[in-house]
Amino acid sequence: MNAVRTDTSDLSHEARNLRWLLQNFVEEVHDVRSVAVVSADGLLLLSSQPEPESEHQADHLPDHQGDSQGDPQAAPPAQPPAIPTQAPSGPAEARMDLAAVVSGLASLTVGAAKLMDGGRVQQTTVAMDDSMLFVMSISDGSLLGVHAAADSDTSLVAYHMAMFVSRAGHVLTPALRGELRQALESAR
């Protein structure tokens, strides 16, 4: 997986450093499918290229060989077939989908924390059958979202997210967010 590739010669030093931090995160944390930095209003600022889902789906498909004991008329597996979902049509759409999910999930957990007098949300983790989603606040409502494999090392992912947040938080100014958003728009 690679960070979004655009011409970085026109970017500020801070923007290039933030892209480098994202690239470093992706390279150091195994089983990461995609990463998104999202603004407080839900706009994608920076992301990695998502890995093709087919690589992960093959790893998680049940192996029913031997279930029928060689009998071609044996009953199908007890599990119902998976409901097909429409996959994003391309990497750009997949990145936008991740940004929307990260923004919505963060909003939901912040609302829940207020209702429950739970204080500030530190991190949100969603465990699914075939993947995990992690969301952490960076600064001024900006968010870091990580989509990873279900068997990823959650403590390693959380550690690297915290490191990214601590390094990126003080440089992610309104001017830098605007620059990143403009660079992302021009790359399309």
Protein backbone atom coordinates (compact mmCIF):
# COMPACT_ATOMS: atom_id res chain seq x y z
CA MET A 1 0.00 0.00 0.00
CA ASN A 2 1.28 3.45 -0.85
CA ALA A 3 0.44 6.95 0.28
CA VAL A 4 -1.49 9.00 -2.24
CA ARG A 5 0.82 9.96 -5.04
CA THR A 6 0.65 13.55 -6.18
CA ASP A 7 3.27 16.02 -7.23
CA THR A 8 4.74 17.10 -3.90
CA SER A 9 7.05 19.76 -5.30
CA ASP A 10 4.38 22.43 -4.74
CA LEU A 11 3.64 21.34 -1.18
CA SER A 12 4.98 23.04 1.92
CA HIS A 13 7.58 21.41 4.11
CA GLU A 14 4.88 20.60 6.71
CA ALA A 15 2.63 18.94 4.12
CA ARG A 16 5.50 16.80 2.81
CA ASN A 17 6.37 15.81 6.38
CA LEU A 18 2.79 14.78 7.10
CA ARG A 19 2.73 12.67 3.93
CA TRP A 20 6.00 11.09 5.03
CA LEU A 21 4.53 10.31 8.46
CA LEU A 22 1.54 8.62 6.82
CA GLN A 23 3.78 6.62 4.49
CA ASN A 24 5.95 5.58 7.43
CA PHE A 25 2.86 4.50 9.40
CA VAL A 26 1.66 2.34 6.51
CA GLU A 27 5.06 0.72 6.03
CA GLU A 28 5.61 -0.02 9.73
CA VAL A 29 2.20 -1.40 10.65
CA HIS A 30 1.44 -4.75 9.07
CA ASP A 31 -2.09 -5.72 8.07
CA VAL A 32 -3.17 -2.11 7.53
CA ARG A 33 -5.57 -1.93 4.59
CA SER A 34 -5.96 1.84 4.41
CA VAL A 35 -5.42 4.99 6.45
CA ALA A 36 -7.23 8.32 6.26
CA VAL A 37 -6.66 11.72 7.83
CA VAL A 38 -10.03 13.47 7.93
CA SER A 39 -10.89 17.09 8.77
CA ALA A 40 -13.39 18.01 11.47
CA ASP A 41 -16.07 18.52 8.82
CA GLY A 42 -15.51 15.05 7.34
CA LEU A 43 -13.38 15.96 4.35
CA LEU A 44 -10.52 13.68 3.38
CA LEU A 45 -7.16 15.43 3.79
CA LEU A 46 -4.66 12.64 3.27
CA SER A 47 -4.89 8.90 2.75
CA SER A 48 -3.10 5.77 1.73
CA GLN A 49 -4.02 3.69 -1.28
CA PRO A 50 -6.36 0.93 -0.06
CA GLU A 51 -5.27 -2.62 -0.69
CA PRO A 52 -7.54 -4.57 -3.01
CA GLU A 53 -10.21 -6.33 -0.96
CA SER A 54 -9.78 -9.53 -2.96
CA GLU A 55 -6.45 -10.13 -1.21
CA HIS A 56 -8.19 -10.08 2.17
CA GLN A 57 -11.37 -11.88 1.19
CA ALA A 58 -9.41 -14.90 0.02
CA ASP A 59 -7.73 -15.08 3.42
CA HIS A 60 -11.05 -15.16 5.25
CA LEU A 61 -13.20 -17.40 3.08
CA PRO A 62 -14.21 -20.61 4.86
CA ASP A 63 -12.60 -23.74 3.50
CA HIS A 64 -15.37 -26.25 2.93
CA GLN A 65 -13.24 -28.85 1.22
CA GLY A 66 -13.80 -32.11 2.98
CA ASP A 67 -17.18 -31.02 4.39
CA SER A 68 -18.95 -33.31 2.01
CA GLN A 69 -16.61 -36.25 2.67
CA GLY A 70 -16.34 -36.68 -1.09
CA ASP A 71 -20.12 -36.92 -1.54
CA PRO A 72 -21.16 -34.64 -4.43
CA GLN A 73 -24.78 -34.59 -3.18
CA ALA A 74 -23.94 -33.59 0.37
CA ALA A 75 -25.83 -30.67 1.87
CA PRO A 76 -24.23 -27.24 1.47
CA PRO A 77 -22.46 -25.71 4.47
CA ALA A 78 -24.72 -24.67 7.35
CA GLN A 79 -23.71 -21.00 7.06
CA PRO A 80 -25.87 -18.88 4.77
CA PRO A 81 -24.10 -17.36 1.79
CA ALA A 82 -22.60 -13.93 2.30
CA ILE A 83 -24.74 -11.03 1.18
CA PRO A 84 -22.95 -9.41 -1.75
CA THR A 85 -22.11 -5.77 -1.29
CA GLN A 86 -21.17 -3.31 -3.93
CA ALA A 87 -17.51 -2.48 -3.59
CA PRO A 88 -16.26 1.01 -4.29
CA SER A 89 -15.53 1.49 -7.97
CA GLY A 90 -11.94 2.58 -7.39
CA PRO A 91 -9.31 3.68 -4.89
CA ALA A 92 -10.52 7.29 -4.77
CA GLU A 93 -14.05 6.21 -3.91
CA ALA A 94 -12.75 3.74 -1.31
CA ARG A 95 -10.76 6.54 0.36
CA MET A 96 -13.81 8.80 0.42
CA ASP A 97 -15.90 5.98 1.89
CA LEU A 98 -13.34 5.48 4.68
CA ALA A 99 -13.33 9.22 5.38
CA ALA A 100 -17.14 9.27 5.64
CA VAL A 101 -17.20 6.23 7.96
CA VAL A 102 -14.45 7.67 10.16
CA SER A 103 -16.22 11.01 10.44
CA GLY A 104 -19.61 9.47 11.18
CA LEU A 105 -18.25 7.01 13.73
CA ALA A 106 -16.31 9.74 15.53
CA SER A 107 -19.42 11.90 15.70
CA LEU A 108 -21.45 9.01 17.08
CA THR A 109 -18.91 8.14 19.78
CA VAL A 110 -18.48 11.77 20.84
CA GLY A 111 -22.26 12.03 21.18
CA ALA A 112 -22.38 8.81 23.19
CA ALA A 113 -19.60 10.05 25.48
CA LYS A 114 -21.55 13.27 26.14
CA LEU A 115 -24.76 11.35 26.92
CA MET A 116 -22.91 9.06 29.30
CA ASP A 117 -20.75 11.76 30.90
CA GLY A 118 -17.77 9.69 29.80
CA GLY A 119 -15.37 12.51 29.06
CA ARG A 120 -13.25 12.82 25.94
CA VAL A 121 -13.17 9.91 23.49
CA GLN A 122 -9.60 8.61 23.31
CA GLN A 123 -10.01 6.00 20.58
CA THR A 124 -12.79 4.08 18.90
CA THR A 125 -12.31 0.50 17.80
CA VAL A 126 -14.79 -1.51 15.76
CA ALA A 127 -14.12 -5.22 15.46
CA MET A 128 -15.76 -6.96 12.49
CA ASP A 129 -15.52 -10.53 11.21
CA ASP A 130 -13.00 -9.71 8.52
CA SER A 131 -11.47 -6.38 9.54
CA MET A 132 -11.08 -3.74 12.21
CA LEU A 133 -11.56 0.02 12.19
CA PHE A 134 -9.71 2.37 14.52
CA VAL A 135 -10.44 6.09 14.92
CA MET A 136 -8.40 8.56 16.95
CA SER A 137 -8.65 12.34 17.24
CA ILE A 138 -5.64 14.30 16.00
CA SER A 139 -6.41 17.96 16.77
CA ASP A 140 -9.18 20.49 16.33
CA GLY A 141 -11.53 17.63 15.50
CA SER A 142 -9.33 16.19 12.77
CA LEU A 143 -9.25 12.42 12.82
CA LEU A 144 -7.00 9.50 11.98
CA GLY A 145 -8.84 6.42 10.72
CA VAL A 146 -7.20 3.06 10.16
CA HIS A 147 -8.80 0.07 8.45
CA ALA A 148 -6.86 -3.10 9.28
CA ALA A 149 -7.16 -6.87 9.03
CA ALA A 150 -9.19 -8.62 11.72
CA ASP A 151 -6.13 -10.43 13.03
CA SER A 152 -3.98 -7.31 13.23
CA ASP A 153 -2.09 -6.56 16.43
CA THR A 154 -4.43 -3.99 17.99
CA SER A 155 -1.86 -2.75 20.50
CA LEU A 156 0.66 -2.17 17.70
CA VAL A 157 -1.92 -0.32 15.60
CA ALA A 158 -2.96 1.81 18.59
CA TYR A 159 0.67 2.59 19.46
CA HIS A 160 1.51 3.73 15.93
CA MET A 161 -1.70 5.75 15.75
CA ALA A 162 -0.78 7.52 19.00
CA MET A 163 2.69 8.22 17.62
CA PHE A 164 1.22 9.64 14.40
CA VAL A 165 -1.22 11.80 16.36
CA SER A 166 1.49 13.16 18.65
CA ARG A 167 3.71 14.03 15.68
CA ALA A 168 1.00 15.39 13.41
CA GLY A 169 -1.21 17.16 15.93
CA HIS A 170 0.83 20.31 16.35
CA VAL A 171 1.47 20.81 12.61
CA LEU A 172 -2.07 20.15 11.37
CA THR A 173 -3.05 23.81 11.29
CA PRO A 174 -6.03 25.25 9.37
CA ALA A 175 -3.62 26.44 6.66
CA LEU A 176 -2.09 22.97 6.30
CA ARG A 177 -5.53 21.32 6.21
CA GLY A 178 -6.51 23.69 3.39
CA GLU A 179 -3.31 22.94 1.51
CA LEU A 180 -3.79 19.17 1.83
CA ARG A 181 -7.41 19.40 0.74
CA GLN A 182 -6.47 21.50 -2.30
CA ALA A 183 -3.68 19.05 -3.24
CA LEU A 184 -6.09 16.12 -2.95
CA GLU A 185 -8.67 17.87 -5.13
CA SER A 186 -6.11 18.72 -7.81
CA ALA A 187 -4.86 15.12 -7.86
CA ARG A 188 -8.25 13.81 -9.01
